[in-house]
Protein backbone atom coordinates (compact mmCIF):
# COMPACT_ATOMS: atom_id res chain seq x y z
CA MET A 1 54.83 49.24 30.06
CA ILE A 2 58.04 47.19 27.85
CA VAL A 3 56.80 45.88 25.01
CA ILE A 4 59.01 43.68 23.04
CA GLN A 5 58.28 42.74 19.55
CA ARG A 6 60.10 40.08 17.73
CA VAL A 7 59.81 39.19 14.01
CA ARG A 8 61.76 35.94 13.10
CA VAL A 9 61.99 34.44 9.47
CA ARG A 10 63.17 30.78 9.17
CA TRP A 11 64.33 28.60 6.57
CA SER A 12 66.17 25.36 5.71
CA ALA A 13 69.73 25.12 4.43
CA SER A 14 67.90 24.02 0.73
CA SER A 15 66.30 27.38 0.24
CA ARG A 16 69.61 29.65 0.66
CA GLY A 17 69.85 30.46 -3.02
CA ALA A 18 68.38 33.90 -4.85
CA ALA A 19 65.05 32.57 -5.88
CA GLN A 20 64.35 31.51 -2.42
CA ALA A 21 65.95 34.53 -0.81
CA ASN A 22 63.20 36.59 -3.15
CA ALA A 23 60.56 34.86 -1.53
CA ARG A 24 61.39 35.76 2.07
CA ARG A 25 62.45 39.51 1.36
CA GLY A 26 60.58 41.83 3.39
CA LEU A 27 59.17 39.83 5.79
CA ASN A 28 61.58 40.87 8.55
CA ARG A 29 59.71 44.16 8.90
CA PRO A 30 57.50 45.09 12.21
CA VAL A 31 53.56 44.30 12.26
CA GLU A 32 50.96 45.79 14.41
CA LEU A 33 51.10 45.03 18.46
CA PRO A 34 47.74 43.03 18.67
CA ALA A 35 44.59 44.67 19.90
CA PRO A 36 43.62 45.52 22.78
CA PRO A 37 47.37 45.91 24.30
CA PRO A 38 47.62 42.94 26.79
CA ALA A 39 48.41 43.88 30.22
CA GLY A 40 51.41 43.69 31.88
CA ASP A 41 54.78 44.97 33.16
CA VAL A 42 56.47 43.57 30.02
CA VAL A 43 54.35 42.03 26.87
CA VAL A 44 56.01 40.44 24.61
CA HIS A 45 54.60 39.89 20.64
CA ASP A 46 56.53 37.01 19.06
CA VAL A 47 55.98 36.94 15.14
CA LEU A 48 57.37 33.67 13.08
CA ALA A 49 57.14 33.28 9.37
CA ASP A 50 58.45 29.93 8.36
CA GLU A 51 59.11 28.25 5.07
CA ALA A 52 57.65 25.23 6.63
CA ASP A 53 54.70 27.15 6.91
CA ASN A 54 54.82 29.02 3.34
CA TYR A 55 55.89 31.86 5.20
CA SER A 56 52.55 32.43 6.90
CA LEU A 57 52.74 34.97 9.58
CA ARG A 58 52.35 32.72 13.32
CA THR A 59 51.97 35.09 16.15
CA SER A 60 51.91 34.44 19.94
CA VAL A 61 51.58 37.02 23.01
CA LEU A 62 53.41 36.53 26.31
CA THR A 63 52.86 39.04 29.45
CA GLY A 64 54.39 38.67 32.60
CA GLY A 65 57.77 40.33 34.61
CA VAL A 66 60.97 41.25 33.33
CA SER A 67 61.97 37.42 33.26
CA ILE A 68 59.67 36.90 30.36
CA ALA A 69 62.26 38.20 27.78
CA GLN A 70 64.66 35.73 28.33
CA SER A 71 61.87 33.45 26.82
CA LEU A 72 63.43 35.33 23.51
CA GLY A 73 67.14 35.31 24.57
CA LEU A 74 66.85 38.84 26.09
CA TRP A 75 67.64 39.86 29.37
CA LEU A 76 66.05 43.32 30.70
CA ALA A 77 67.14 45.30 33.75
CA VAL A 78 64.88 48.36 34.88
CA GLU A 79 66.56 51.20 36.82
CA GLY A 80 64.51 53.76 37.61
CA SER A 81 62.53 55.00 34.35
CA ALA A 82 65.76 53.25 31.73
CA VAL A 83 65.39 49.46 30.89
CA THR A 84 68.85 48.30 29.52
CA VAL A 85 68.53 45.48 27.09
CA GLU A 86 71.22 42.76 26.73
CA ARG A 87 71.20 39.52 24.30
CA LEU A 88 71.99 36.26 26.30
CA PRO A 89 74.19 33.70 24.98
CA GLY A 90 72.41 30.94 22.94
CA ARG A 91 72.52 27.67 21.18
CA ALA A 92 73.26 29.21 17.59
CA ALA A 93 75.85 27.91 15.45
CA PHE A 94 77.08 30.56 13.97
CA PRO A 95 77.83 33.69 15.35
CA ARG A 96 78.67 32.06 18.48
CA ALA A 97 77.98 33.66 21.23
CA GLY A 98 79.87 32.63 24.45
CA VAL A 99 78.79 35.76 26.82
CA SER A 100 76.02 37.93 26.90
CA THR A 101 76.07 41.42 25.22
CA ARG A 102 74.76 44.84 25.93
CA LEU A 103 72.44 46.10 23.28
CA PHE A 104 71.20 48.90 24.20
CA THR A 105 69.44 51.34 27.56
CA LEU A 106 66.68 52.63 26.70
CA ALA A 107 64.84 56.38 28.35
CA HIS A 108 61.43 56.32 29.11
CA GLY A 109 59.44 56.75 25.62
CA GLN A 110 62.81 55.20 23.63
CA VAL A 111 62.60 52.29 20.96
CA GLY A 112 65.77 50.44 20.24
CA ARG A 113 66.27 47.59 17.39
CA TYR A 114 68.01 44.84 17.28
CA GLU A 115 68.93 42.94 14.07
CA ALA A 116 70.54 39.85 13.86
CA ASN A 117 70.96 36.42 11.92
CA PHE A 118 71.80 33.01 12.97
CA ARG A 119 72.76 29.43 11.71
CA LEU A 120 71.19 27.04 13.69
CA ARG A 121 71.31 23.16 13.82
CA CYS A 122 68.22 21.12 13.57
CA THR A 123 68.95 18.76 16.72
CA ASP A 124 71.12 19.11 19.31
CA CYS A 125 73.08 15.84 18.45
CA ALA A 126 76.63 16.78 16.92
CA CYS A 127 75.95 13.56 14.54
CA ASP A 128 73.05 15.53 12.71
CA PRO A 129 74.43 18.13 10.39
CA SER A 130 70.88 19.55 9.21
CA TRP A 131 70.90 23.41 9.61
CA TYR A 132 68.38 25.74 9.60
CA TYR A 133 68.70 29.69 9.43
CA GLU A 134 66.86 32.75 11.09
CA ASP A 135 66.64 36.51 10.39
CA TRP A 136 65.60 38.48 13.28
CA VAL A 137 64.27 41.67 13.92
CA VAL A 138 63.40 42.67 17.66
CA HIS A 139 61.93 45.89 18.46
CA VAL A 140 61.66 47.20 22.14
CA SER A 141 59.34 49.98 23.05
CA ASN A 142 60.00 51.71 27.35
CA GLY A 143 56.86 53.19 27.86
CA ASP A 144 54.63 52.70 24.98
CA GLY A 145 52.47 50.11 23.76
CA ALA A 146 50.26 52.00 20.56
CA ARG A 147 49.68 48.83 18.09
CA ASP A 148 51.52 50.89 15.67
CA ARG A 149 54.69 51.98 17.63
CA PHE A 150 57.17 49.94 15.67
CA LEU A 151 55.67 50.64 12.13
CA HIS A 152 56.33 54.51 11.73
CA GLY A 153 59.96 56.61 12.37
CA GLU A 154 63.62 55.19 13.42
CA PRO A 155 64.20 53.57 16.58
CA ASP A 156 66.05 55.79 18.96
CA ARG A 157 68.71 52.96 19.36
CA VAL A 158 69.86 50.40 16.60
CA VAL A 159 72.58 47.62 17.05
CA ASP A 160 72.95 45.28 13.92
CA HIS A 161 75.14 42.31 14.35
CA ARG A 162 73.81 40.64 11.21
CA VAL A 163 76.52 38.72 9.80
CA HIS A 164 77.48 36.33 6.69
CA LEU A 165 76.22 33.45 7.94
CA TYR A 166 78.62 31.18 6.07
CA GLY A 167 81.89 33.06 7.28
CA GLY A 168 83.39 35.98 5.84
CA ARG A 169 83.47 39.57 7.04
CA SER A 170 79.89 40.96 8.64
CA VAL A 171 77.47 42.72 6.20
CA ARG A 172 77.47 45.65 8.56
CA ARG A 173 77.87 46.96 12.27
CA ARG A 174 75.91 49.81 13.25
CA ASP A 175 75.44 51.13 17.10
CA ARG A 176 73.97 54.48 17.75
């Protein structure tokens, strides 16, 4: 079983200041997985804390084969007992990702964490200059679906692709 948990925090362009940042600080942390654990080769637990909902957590659970990860912008490739995780090109205005990016390969029993942030257009129309922002923390577990799997300990692989959403140098890039 492969378990993916994506925790997203979303806010509007008008909430970029320090006071608003304090309101969303710490919301991008992992949460317990749903009980009982859903059955499936791949389980996706998607968690959203949206400014529009006063940052209350909304969750959804999807199950299926490896293609279900595409709903999160991820690609999974299973070879033997290992799983390789890639980020698919997305529609983010910043950072631009024109090609898929390999994040990590996990052996059975390992956990990977992918951190990223994005500036996204509210609509697909170039005539609308409205933006919103998302901060993601995605955990992937290869082989363990315990409810508290992502709450304790350090992951085996960490990829941090967070950037300054207003240009400039990246916050930090750490691949291990």
